[in-house]
Amino acid sequence: MFPGVMSALITPFADGVFDRDAFAAHIEYQLAGGVDGVVPCGTTGESATLTHDEHKTVITACIEIVAGRVPVLAGTGSNSTAESVELTKFAQSAGADGALLITPYYNKPTQGGLIAHYKAVAEAVELPIVLYNVPGRTALNMLPETVAQLSDLPNVVAIKEATANMEQCSNIHRLCGDKISLISGDDATFLPFLSIGGSGVISVASNLDPKRMSAIYEHWNKGEIAQARAVHEELLILNNLLFCETSPIPVKAAVSMLGFCRDELRLPLLPMSDAPRANLRDELTRLGLPLK
């Protein structure tokens, strides 16, 4: 479920307030670029600094703007199971097509705790659930064996794997087979991820270059491996620059360079520093993206 390229959307702000008009323009750019879905209120959307009301406002706005043209996978994860249940119930009532739930961060539950957490959320809704494993953010790795147990829950349909560890991803596929979809959470390894059973990516880079990210997937599905590899390699420098400072600092800067939003983040994140910002602008220029 949720195959192809889904954009992990930034959340634009103007003077500290969610900028719906900028959000709408950016979403239209994504859809025109051929993405297969969008993900509001993920890590890239600065979800950790959104209030619950803002979180709900952003999800609702995304669903309304997309208007059924592609799936909306709403970020509803938290390190509190009760909060995750509340946000996921809201996403279901608002009309989201699925929910993306990060592993609980900071409190570092055991693998048994992870199973109990996801089971509680999954049983509270009928919405398709996508697990999200990103140890670099949460200090917690969800093991393949844990994923296999969770794949038995009827509405756990996929996992976003952001470890860039192909051995771990292969073991998830070995243990789960076709019970759940494997979605990459790492742009730079999207192509090799497809080769071990992956079916898509939740992408940061597609905020900037949805056409090229979509082309990787399209070439792969047509068996055009050399062409897919060529596009993959063309995006490698951009993918590196998007994580040269803590994400979403660089992608927010880059989206502002394209004219879709202000370069405004919420503390404790600060705008991108000057030297990498210049490198990022040069790379956007090299790729022929429409700088403002």
C-alpha atoms as a PDB file:
ATOM      1  CA  MET A   1       0.000   0.000   0.000  1.00  0.00           C
ATOM      2  CA  PHE A   2       1.102   3.601  -0.690  1.00  0.00           C
ATOM      3  CA  PRO A   3       3.477   2.751  -3.545  1.00  0.00           C
ATOM      4  CA  GLY A   4       5.609   5.262  -5.402  1.00  0.00           C
ATOM      5  CA  VAL A   5       6.921   8.650  -4.340  1.00  0.00           C
ATOM      6  CA  MET A   6       5.209  10.450  -1.473  1.00  0.00           C
ATOM      7  CA  SER A   7       6.468  13.896  -0.451  1.00  0.00           C
ATOM      8  CA  ALA A   8       7.211  14.522   3.227  1.00  0.00           C
ATOM      9  CA  LEU A   9       5.806  18.043   3.142  1.00  0.00           C
ATOM     10  CA  ILE A  10       7.338  21.060   4.840  1.00  0.00           C
ATOM     11  CA  THR A  11       5.022  23.177   6.988  1.00  0.00           C
ATOM     12  CA  PRO A  12       5.309  26.825   5.857  1.00  0.00           C
ATOM     13  CA  PHE A  13       5.094  29.586   8.466  1.00  0.00           C
ATOM     14  CA  ALA A  14       4.605  33.336   8.155  1.00  0.00           C
ATOM     15  CA  ASP A  15       5.363  35.323  11.307  1.00  0.00           C
ATOM     16  CA  GLY A  16       4.987  32.193  13.388  1.00  0.00           C
ATOM     17  CA  VAL A  17       1.627  31.146  11.939  1.00  0.00           C
ATOM     18  CA  PHE A  18       0.847  28.295   9.524  1.00  0.00           C
ATOM     19  CA  ASP A  19       0.719  29.731   5.993  1.00  0.00           C
ATOM     20  CA  ARG A  20      -2.075  27.859   4.220  1.00  0.00           C
ATOM     21  CA  ASP A  21      -1.659  29.726   0.927  1.00  0.00           C
ATOM     22  CA  ALA A  22       2.023  28.811   0.725  1.00  0.00           C
ATOM     23  CA  PHE A  23       1.145  25.227   1.676  1.00  0.00           C
ATOM     24  CA  ALA A  24      -1.408  25.039  -1.138  1.00  0.00           C
ATOM     25  CA  ALA A  25       1.028  26.393  -3.738  1.00  0.00           C
ATOM     26  CA  HIS A  26       3.675  23.919  -2.635  1.00  0.00           C
ATOM     27  CA  ILE A  27       1.255  20.981  -2.770  1.00  0.00           C
ATOM     28  CA  GLU A  28       0.219  21.944  -6.299  1.00  0.00           C
ATOM     29  CA  TYR A  29       3.914  21.916  -7.287  1.00  0.00           C
ATOM     30  CA  GLN A  30       4.188  18.401  -5.875  1.00  0.00           C
ATOM     31  CA  LEU A  31       1.153  17.150  -7.761  1.00  0.00           C
ATOM     32  CA  ALA A  32       2.287  18.770 -11.005  1.00  0.00           C
ATOM     33  CA  GLY A  33       5.620  16.990 -10.532  1.00  0.00           C
ATOM     34  CA  GLY A  34       3.930  13.593 -10.482  1.00  0.00           C
ATOM     35  CA  VAL A  35       4.167  12.477  -6.870  1.00  0.00           C
ATOM     36  CA  ASP A  36       1.969   9.577  -5.812  1.00  0.00           C
ATOM     37  CA  GLY A  37       1.022  10.963  -2.411  1.00  0.00           C
ATOM     38  CA  VAL A  38       1.786  13.537   0.263  1.00  0.00           C
ATOM     39  CA  VAL A  39       2.642  13.331   3.945  1.00  0.00           C
ATOM     40  CA  PRO A  40       1.756  16.311   6.180  1.00  0.00           C
ATOM     41  CA  CYS A  41       2.967  16.630   9.766  1.00  0.00           C
ATOM     42  CA  GLY A  42       5.960  14.349   9.560  1.00  0.00           C
ATOM     43  CA  THR A  43       9.478  15.178  10.728  1.00  0.00           C
ATOM     44  CA  THR A  44       9.982  17.343   7.636  1.00  0.00           C
ATOM     45  CA  GLY A  45       6.819  19.219   8.596  1.00  0.00           C
ATOM     46  CA  GLU A  46       8.265  20.165  12.014  1.00  0.00           C
ATOM     47  CA  SER A  47       5.542  18.192  13.735  1.00  0.00           C
ATOM     48  CA  ALA A  48       7.395  18.243  17.049  1.00  0.00           C
ATOM     49  CA  THR A  49       6.778  21.993  17.364  1.00  0.00           C
ATOM     50  CA  LEU A  50       3.167  22.059  16.194  1.00  0.00           C
ATOM     51  CA  THR A  51       0.447  22.352  18.811  1.00  0.00           C
ATOM     52  CA  HIS A  52      -2.290  19.739  18.620  1.00  0.00           C
ATOM     53  CA  ASP A  53      -4.633  22.325  17.119  1.00  0.00           C
ATOM     54  CA  GLU A  54      -2.044  23.283  14.497  1.00  0.00           C
ATOM     55  CA  HIS A  55      -1.390  19.620  13.754  1.00  0.00           C
ATOM     56  CA  LYS A  56      -5.072  19.100  13.051  1.00  0.00           C
ATOM     57  CA  THR A  57      -5.270  22.308  11.006  1.00  0.00           C
ATOM     58  CA  VAL A  58      -2.377  21.256   8.767  1.00  0.00           C
ATOM     59  CA  ILE A  59      -3.804  17.769   8.211  1.00  0.00           C
ATOM     60  CA  THR A  60      -7.240  19.191   7.396  1.00  0.00           C
ATOM     61  CA  ALA A  61      -5.753  21.763   5.019  1.00  0.00           C
ATOM     62  CA  CYS A  62      -3.758  19.099   3.196  1.00  0.00           C
ATOM     63  CA  ILE A  63      -6.796  16.868   2.725  1.00  0.00           C
ATOM     64  CA  GLU A  64      -8.861  19.801   1.449  1.00  0.00           C
ATOM     65  CA  ILE A  65      -6.182  21.054  -0.943  1.00  0.00           C
ATOM     66  CA  VAL A  66      -5.379  17.608  -2.350  1.00  0.00           C
ATOM     67  CA  ALA A  67      -9.104  16.913  -2.772  1.00  0.00           C
ATOM     68  CA  GLY A  68      -8.676  13.215  -3.456  1.00  0.00           C
ATOM     69  CA  ARG A  69      -6.131  13.546  -6.250  1.00  0.00           C
ATOM     70  CA  VAL A  70      -3.503  11.471  -4.413  1.00  0.00           C
ATOM     71  CA  PRO A  71      -3.456   9.714  -1.038  1.00  0.00           C
ATOM     72  CA  VAL A  72      -2.775  11.788   2.088  1.00  0.00           C
ATOM     73  CA  LEU A  73      -0.760   9.924   4.708  1.00  0.00           C
ATOM     74  CA  ALA A  74      -1.037  12.000   7.875  1.00  0.00           C
ATOM     75  CA  GLY A  75       1.731  12.046  10.446  1.00  0.00           C
ATOM     76  CA  THR A  76       0.077  11.216  13.761  1.00  0.00           C
ATOM     77  CA  GLY A  77       2.908   9.746  15.825  1.00  0.00           C
ATOM     78  CA  SER A  78       4.001  10.778  19.301  1.00  0.00           C
ATOM     79  CA  ASN A  79       5.992   9.444  22.221  1.00  0.00           C
ATOM     80  CA  SER A  80       2.674   9.286  24.076  1.00  0.00           C
ATOM     81  CA  THR A  81       0.379   6.460  23.032  1.00  0.00           C
ATOM     82  CA  ALA A  82      -2.697   8.397  24.140  1.00  0.00           C
ATOM     83  CA  GLU A  83      -1.697  11.376  21.980  1.00  0.00           C
ATOM     84  CA  SER A  84      -1.040   9.089  19.009  1.00  0.00           C
ATOM     85  CA  VAL A  85      -4.487   7.553  19.411  1.00  0.00           C
ATOM     86  CA  GLU A  86      -6.107  10.995  19.573  1.00  0.00           C
ATOM     87  CA  LEU A  87      -4.297  12.345  16.504  1.00  0.00           C
ATOM     88  CA  THR A  88      -4.888   9.172  14.494  1.00  0.00           C
ATOM     89  CA  LYS A  89      -8.590   9.205  15.329  1.00  0.00           C
ATOM     90  CA  PHE A  90      -8.677  12.817  14.149  1.00  0.00           C
ATOM     91  CA  ALA A  91      -6.891  11.972  10.883  1.00  0.00           C
ATOM     92  CA  GLN A  92      -9.441   9.240  10.239  1.00  0.00           C
ATOM     93  CA  SER A  93     -12.381  11.566  10.894  1.00  0.00           C
ATOM     94  CA  ALA A  94     -10.836  14.267   8.678  1.00  0.00           C
ATOM     95  CA  GLY A  95     -10.607  11.895   5.724  1.00  0.00           C
ATOM     96  CA  ALA A  96      -6.915  10.973   5.597  1.00  0.00           C
ATOM     97  CA  ASP A  97      -6.039   7.852   3.616  1.00  0.00           C
ATOM     98  CA  GLY A  98      -3.623   6.560   6.219  1.00  0.00           C
ATOM     99  CA  ALA A  99      -1.519   7.485   9.245  1.00  0.00           C
ATOM    100  CA  LEU A 100       2.252   7.500   9.642  1.00  0.00           C
ATOM    101  CA  LEU A 101       3.383   6.755  13.206  1.00  0.00           C
ATOM    102  CA  ILE A 102       6.962   7.301  14.322  1.00  0.00           C
ATOM    103  CA  THR A 103       8.354   5.017  17.013  1.00  0.00           C
ATOM    104  CA  PRO A 104       8.001   6.715  20.421  1.00  0.00           C
ATOM    105  CA  TYR A 105      11.025   8.946  20.925  1.00  0.00           C
ATOM    106  CA  TYR A 106      12.894   9.856  24.117  1.00  0.00           C
ATOM    107  CA  ASN A 107      11.179   7.326  26.392  1.00  0.00           C
ATOM    108  CA  LYS A 108      12.795   4.402  24.470  1.00  0.00           C
ATOM    109  CA  PRO A 109      10.283   1.585  25.013  1.00  0.00           C
ATOM    110  CA  THR A 110      11.279  -2.040  24.732  1.00  0.00           C
ATOM    111  CA  GLN A 111      10.331  -4.000  21.632  1.00  0.00           C
ATOM    112  CA  GLY A 112       7.362  -5.296  23.605  1.00  0.00           C
ATOM    113  CA  GLY A 113       6.422  -1.717  24.400  1.00  0.00           C
ATOM    114  CA  LEU A 114       6.525  -0.881  20.690  1.00  0.00           C
ATOM    115  CA  ILE A 115       4.151  -3.730  19.937  1.00  0.00           C
ATOM    116  CA  ALA A 116       1.757  -2.575  22.664  1.00  0.00           C
ATOM    117  CA  HIS A 117       1.960   1.048  21.444  1.00  0.00           C
ATOM    118  CA  TYR A 118       1.178   0.291  17.811  1.00  0.00           C
ATOM    119  CA  LYS A 119      -1.450  -2.277  18.727  1.00  0.00           C
ATOM    120  CA  ALA A 120      -3.279   0.302  20.860  1.00  0.00           C
ATOM    121  CA  VAL A 121      -3.348   2.811  18.019  1.00  0.00           C
ATOM    122  CA  ALA A 122      -4.247   0.272  15.328  1.00  0.00           C
ATOM    123  CA  GLU A 123      -7.128  -1.112  17.373  1.00  0.00           C
ATOM    124  CA  ALA A 124      -8.521   2.386  18.015  1.00  0.00           C
ATOM    125  CA  VAL A 125      -9.063   3.126  14.309  1.00  0.00           C
ATOM    126  CA  GLU A 126      -9.827   1.484  10.985  1.00  0.00           C
ATOM    127  CA  LEU A 127      -7.342   3.710   9.169  1.00  0.00           C
ATOM    128  CA  PRO A 128      -4.351   2.055   7.438  1.00  0.00           C
ATOM    129  CA  ILE A 129      -1.275   2.424   9.654  1.00  0.00           C
ATOM    130  CA  VAL A 130       2.299   2.903   8.418  1.00  0.00           C
ATOM    131  CA  LEU A 131       5.015   2.176  10.960  1.00  0.00           C
ATOM    132  CA  TYR A 132       7.979   4.568  10.940  1.00  0.00           C
ATOM    133  CA  ASN A 133      11.447   3.505  12.071  1.00  0.00           C
ATOM    134  CA  VAL A 134      14.107   6.236  12.263  1.00  0.00           C
ATOM    135  CA  PRO A 135      16.625   5.432  15.015  1.00  0.00           C
ATOM    136  CA  GLY A 136      18.694   8.533  14.243  1.00  0.00           C
ATOM    137  CA  ARG A 137      15.779  10.621  15.534  1.00  0.00           C
ATOM    138  CA  THR A 138      14.348   8.380  18.244  1.00  0.00           C
ATOM    139  CA  ALA A 139      17.382   6.539  19.694  1.00  0.00           C
ATOM    140  CA  LEU A 140      15.357   3.358  19.206  1.00  0.00           C
ATOM    141  CA  ASN A 141      15.509   0.722  16.475  1.00  0.00           C
ATOM    142  CA  MET A 142      12.394  -1.308  15.682  1.00  0.00           C
ATOM    143  CA  LEU A 143      13.715  -4.773  14.927  1.00  0.00           C
ATOM    144  CA  PRO A 144      12.549  -6.858  11.949  1.00  0.00           C
ATOM    145  CA  GLU A 145      11.051  -9.427  14.310  1.00  0.00           C
ATOM    146  CA  THR A 146       8.947  -6.698  15.912  1.00  0.00           C
ATOM    147  CA  VAL A 147       7.778  -5.496  12.515  1.00  0.00           C
ATOM    148  CA  ALA A 148       6.822  -9.077  11.666  1.00  0.00           C
ATOM    149  CA  GLN A 149       4.603  -9.317  14.744  1.00  0.00           C
ATOM    150  CA  LEU A 150       2.977  -5.973  13.991  1.00  0.00           C
ATOM    151  CA  SER A 151       2.340  -7.002  10.371  1.00  0.00           C
ATOM    152  CA  ASP A 152      -0.261  -9.440  11.703  1.00  0.00           C
ATOM    153  CA  LEU A 153      -2.469  -6.490  12.707  1.00  0.00           C
ATOM    154  CA  PRO A 154      -4.987  -6.114   9.857  1.00  0.00           C
ATOM    155  CA  ASN A 155      -4.607  -2.355   9.381  1.00  0.00           C
ATOM    156  CA  VAL A 156      -0.796  -2.205   9.701  1.00  0.00           C
ATOM    157  CA  VAL A 157      -0.070  -2.006   5.990  1.00  0.00           C
ATOM    158  CA  ALA A 158       3.480  -0.673   5.593  1.00  0.00           C
ATOM    159  CA  ILE A 159       6.663   0.504   7.254  1.00  0.00           C
ATOM    160  CA  LYS A 160       8.719   3.588   6.477  1.00  0.00           C
ATOM    161  CA  GLU A 161      12.268   2.358   7.031  1.00  0.00           C
ATOM    162  CA  ALA A 162      14.716   5.246   7.468  1.00  0.00           C
ATOM    163  CA  THR A 163      17.760   3.351   8.704  1.00  0.00           C
ATOM    164  CA  ALA A 164      19.363   3.107   5.213  1.00  0.00           C
ATOM    165  CA  ASN A 165      20.362  -0.370   6.407  1.00  0.00           C
ATOM    166  CA  MET A 166      19.706  -2.692   3.495  1.00  0.00           C
ATOM    167  CA  GLU A 167      20.339  -5.809   5.590  1.00  0.00           C
ATOM    168  CA  GLN A 168      17.682  -4.786   8.099  1.00  0.00           C
ATOM    169  CA  CYS A 169      15.232  -3.926   5.317  1.00  0.00           C
ATOM    170  CA  SER A 170      15.911  -7.260   3.627  1.00  0.00           C
ATOM    171  CA  ASN A 171      15.174  -9.086   6.861  1.00  0.00           C
ATOM    172  CA  ILE A 172      11.872  -7.229   7.210  1.00  0.00           C
ATOM    173  CA  HIS A 173      10.936  -8.388   3.711  1.00  0.00           C
ATOM    174  CA  ARG A 174      12.109 -11.926   4.482  1.00  0.00           C
ATOM    175  CA  LEU A 175       9.962 -12.104   7.609  1.00  0.00           C
ATOM    176  CA  CYS A 176       6.890 -10.216   6.380  1.00  0.00           C
ATOM    177  CA  GLY A 177       6.750 -11.024   2.671  1.00  0.00           C
ATOM    178  CA  ASP A 178       3.835  -9.245   1.063  1.00  0.00           C
ATOM    179  CA  LYS A 179       1.908  -8.700   4.310  1.00  0.00           C
ATOM    180  CA  ILE A 180       3.164  -5.110   4.454  1.00  0.00           C
ATOM    181  CA  SER A 181       4.775  -2.694   2.012  1.00  0.00           C
ATOM    182  CA  LEU A 182       8.330  -1.462   2.481  1.00  0.00           C
ATOM    183  CA  ILE A 183       8.669   2.305   2.057  1.00  0.00           C
ATOM    184  CA  SER A 184      12.072   3.962   2.100  1.00  0.00           C
ATOM    185  CA  GLY A 185      12.629   6.946   4.379  1.00  0.00           C
ATOM    186  CA  ASP A 186      16.035   7.727   2.882  1.00  0.00           C
ATOM    187  CA  ASP A 187      16.225   9.395  -0.537  1.00  0.00           C
ATOM    188  CA  ALA A 188      19.854   8.515  -1.209  1.00  0.00           C
ATOM    189  CA  THR A 189      19.181   4.771  -0.911  1.00  0.00           C
ATOM    190  CA  PHE A 190      15.764   4.719  -2.589  1.00  0.00           C
ATOM    191  CA  LEU A 191      17.025   2.918  -5.703  1.00  0.00           C
ATOM    192  CA  PRO A 192      18.864   0.093  -3.884  1.00  0.00           C
ATOM    193  CA  PHE A 193      15.871  -0.139  -1.545  1.00  0.00           C
ATOM    194  CA  LEU A 194      13.643  -0.957  -4.528  1.00  0.00           C
ATOM    195  CA  SER A 195      15.956  -3.828  -5.443  1.00  0.00           C
ATOM    196  CA  ILE A 196      15.354  -5.630  -2.126  1.00  0.00           C
ATOM    197  CA  GLY A 197      11.580  -5.481  -2.177  1.00  0.00           C
ATOM    198  CA  GLY A 198      10.807  -1.820  -1.504  1.00  0.00           C
ATOM    199  CA  SER A 199       7.736  -0.306  -3.119  1.00  0.00           C
ATOM    200  CA  GLY A 200       8.166   3.423  -2.598  1.00  0.00           C
ATOM    201  CA  VAL A 201       9.703   6.329  -0.729  1.00  0.00           C
ATOM    202  CA  ILE A 202       8.554   9.089   1.600  1.00  0.00           C
ATOM    203  CA  SER A 203      10.843  11.730   0.212  1.00  0.00           C
ATOM    204  CA  VAL A 204      12.413  14.978   1.379  1.00  0.00           C
ATOM    205  CA  ALA A 205      14.032  15.688  -2.002  1.00  0.00           C
ATOM    206  CA  SER A 206      10.700  15.568  -3.826  1.00  0.00           C
ATOM    207  CA  ASN A 207       9.770  18.826  -2.082  1.00  0.00           C
ATOM    208  CA  LEU A 208      12.256  20.342  -4.537  1.00  0.00           C
ATOM    209  CA  ASP A 209      12.440  17.969  -7.486  1.00  0.00           C
ATOM    210  CA  PRO A 210       9.313  15.812  -7.624  1.00  0.00           C
ATOM    211  CA  LYS A 211       9.816  15.036 -11.315  1.00  0.00           C
ATOM    212  CA  ARG A 212      13.241  13.454 -10.894  1.00  0.00           C
ATOM    213  CA  MET A 213      12.256  11.521  -7.771  1.00  0.00           C
ATOM    214  CA  SER A 214       9.192  10.194  -9.602  1.00  0.00           C
ATOM    215  CA  ALA A 215      11.346   9.333 -12.612  1.00  0.00           C
ATOM    216  CA  ILE A 216      13.474   6.962 -10.530  1.00  0.00           C
ATOM    217  CA  TYR A 217      10.375   4.958  -9.643  1.00  0.00           C
ATOM    218  CA  GLU A 218       8.957   5.097 -13.164  1.00  0.00           C
ATOM    219  CA  HIS A 219      12.190   3.889 -14.757  1.00  0.00           C
ATOM    220  CA  TRP A 220      12.489   1.098 -12.193  1.00  0.00           C
ATOM    221  CA  ASN A 221       8.967  -0.150 -12.868  1.00  0.00           C
ATOM    222  CA  LYS A 222       9.684  -0.230 -16.613  1.00  0.00           C
ATOM    223  CA  GLY A 223      12.849  -2.237 -16.082  1.00  0.00           C
ATOM    224  CA  GLU A 224      14.955   0.736 -17.207  1.00  0.00           C
ATOM    225  CA  ILE A 225      17.606   0.203 -14.564  1.00  0.00           C
ATOM    226  CA  ALA A 226      20.378   2.239 -16.205  1.00  0.00           C
ATOM    227  CA  GLN A 227      18.049   5.220 -16.575  1.00  0.00           C
ATOM    228  CA  ALA A 228      16.893   4.902 -12.962  1.00  0.00           C
ATOM    229  CA  ARG A 229      20.510   4.778 -11.819  1.00  0.00           C
ATOM    230  CA  ALA A 230      21.360   7.868 -13.872  1.00  0.00           C
ATOM    231  CA  VAL A 231      18.630   9.919 -12.173  1.00  0.00           C
ATOM    232  CA  HIS A 232      19.573   8.490  -8.781  1.00  0.00           C
ATOM    233  CA  GLU A 233      23.159   9.627  -9.287  1.00  0.00           C
ATOM    234  CA  GLU A 234      22.045  13.033 -10.552  1.00  0.00           C
ATOM    235  CA  LEU A 235      20.285  13.632  -7.212  1.00  0.00           C
ATOM    236  CA  LEU A 236      23.030  12.348  -4.905  1.00  0.00           C
ATOM    237  CA  ILE A 237      24.614  15.749  -4.237  1.00  0.00           C
ATOM    238  CA  LEU A 238      21.225  17.297  -3.478  1.00  0.00           C
ATOM    239  CA  ASN A 239      20.355  14.428  -1.146  1.00  0.00           C
ATOM    240  CA  ASN A 240      23.600  14.966   0.728  1.00  0.00           C
ATOM    241  CA  LEU A 241      23.062  18.720   1.024  1.00  0.00           C
ATOM    242  CA  LEU A 242      19.539  18.229   2.369  1.00  0.00           C
ATOM    243  CA  PHE A 243      21.046  16.547   5.423  1.00  0.00           C
ATOM    244  CA  CYS A 244      24.227  18.601   5.856  1.00  0.00           C
ATOM    245  CA  GLU A 245      22.393  20.332   8.719  1.00  0.00           C
ATOM    246  CA  THR A 246      19.509  18.933  10.721  1.00  0.00           C
ATOM    247  CA  SER A 247      16.505  18.289   8.499  1.00  0.00           C
ATOM    248  CA  PRO A 248      14.246  20.140   7.762  1.00  0.00           C
ATOM    249  CA  ILE A 249      16.585  23.146   7.970  1.00  0.00           C
ATOM    250  CA  PRO A 250      18.058  22.665   4.465  1.00  0.00           C
ATOM    251  CA  VAL A 251      14.823  21.656   2.723  1.00  0.00           C
ATOM    252  CA  LYS A 252      12.953  24.615   4.215  1.00  0.00           C
ATOM    253  CA  ALA A 253      15.737  26.895   2.930  1.00  0.00           C
ATOM    254  CA  ALA A 254      15.574  25.270  -0.500  1.00  0.00           C
ATOM    255  CA  VAL A 255      11.771  25.475  -0.775  1.00  0.00           C
ATOM    256  CA  SER A 256      12.041  29.163   0.068  1.00  0.00           C
ATOM    257  CA  MET A 257      14.605  29.523  -2.747  1.00  0.00           C
ATOM    258  CA  LEU A 258      11.953  28.149  -5.106  1.00  0.00           C
ATOM    259  CA  GLY A 259       9.580  30.826  -3.835  1.00  0.00           C
ATOM    260  CA  PHE A 260       6.993  28.606  -2.162  1.00  0.00           C
ATOM    261  CA  CYS A 261       7.478  29.740   1.435  1.00  0.00           C
ATOM    262  CA  ARG A 262       9.462  31.895   3.796  1.00  0.00           C
ATOM    263  CA  ASP A 263      12.638  30.455   5.230  1.00  0.00           C
ATOM    264  CA  GLU A 264      11.030  30.390   8.658  1.00  0.00           C
ATOM    265  CA  LEU A 265      11.499  27.589  11.178  1.00  0.00           C
ATOM    266  CA  ARG A 266      10.521  27.170  14.797  1.00  0.00           C
ATOM    267  CA  LEU A 267      13.040  27.128  17.594  1.00  0.00           C
ATOM    268  CA  PRO A 268      15.127  25.278  18.477  1.00  0.00           C
ATOM    269  CA  LEU A 269      15.836  25.028  14.719  1.00  0.00           C
ATOM    270  CA  LEU A 270      17.649  27.968  13.148  1.00  0.00           C
ATOM    271  CA  PRO A 271      17.918  28.931   9.468  1.00  0.00           C
ATOM    272  CA  MET A 272      20.665  27.327   7.411  1.00  0.00           C
ATOM    273  CA  SER A 273      24.170  28.767   7.762  1.00  0.00           C
ATOM    274  CA  ASP A 274      25.668  30.764   4.906  1.00  0.00           C
ATOM    275  CA  ALA A 275      28.250  28.432   3.334  1.00  0.00           C
ATOM    276  CA  PRO A 276      26.019  25.345   2.946  1.00  0.00           C
ATOM    277  CA  ARG A 277      23.156  27.613   1.871  1.00  0.00           C
ATOM    278  CA  ALA A 278      25.284  28.857  -1.018  1.00  0.00           C
ATOM    279  CA  ASN A 279      26.185  25.278  -1.959  1.00  0.00           C
ATOM    280  CA  LEU A 280      22.519  24.323  -1.893  1.00  0.00           C
ATOM    281  CA  ARG A 281      21.544  27.207  -4.144  1.00  0.00           C
ATOM    282  CA  ASP A 282      24.316  26.266  -6.586  1.00  0.00           C
ATOM    283  CA  GLU A 283      23.032  22.691  -6.688  1.00  0.00           C
ATOM    284  CA  LEU A 284      19.443  23.772  -7.306  1.00  0.00           C
ATOM    285  CA  THR A 285      20.764  25.905 -10.151  1.00  0.00           C
ATOM    286  CA  ARG A 286      22.728  22.954 -11.591  1.00  0.00           C
ATOM    287  CA  LEU A 287      19.561  20.844 -11.533  1.00  0.00           C
ATOM    288  CA  GLY A 288      17.683  23.560 -13.395  1.00  0.00           C
ATOM    289  CA  LEU A 289      15.080  24.079 -10.694  1.00  0.00           C
ATOM    290  CA  PRO A 290      13.067  27.343 -10.822  1.00  0.00           C
ATOM    291  CA  LEU A 291      14.811  29.614  -8.340  1.00  0.00           C
ATOM    292  CA  LYS A 292      13.188  32.882  -7.337  1.00  0.00           C
END
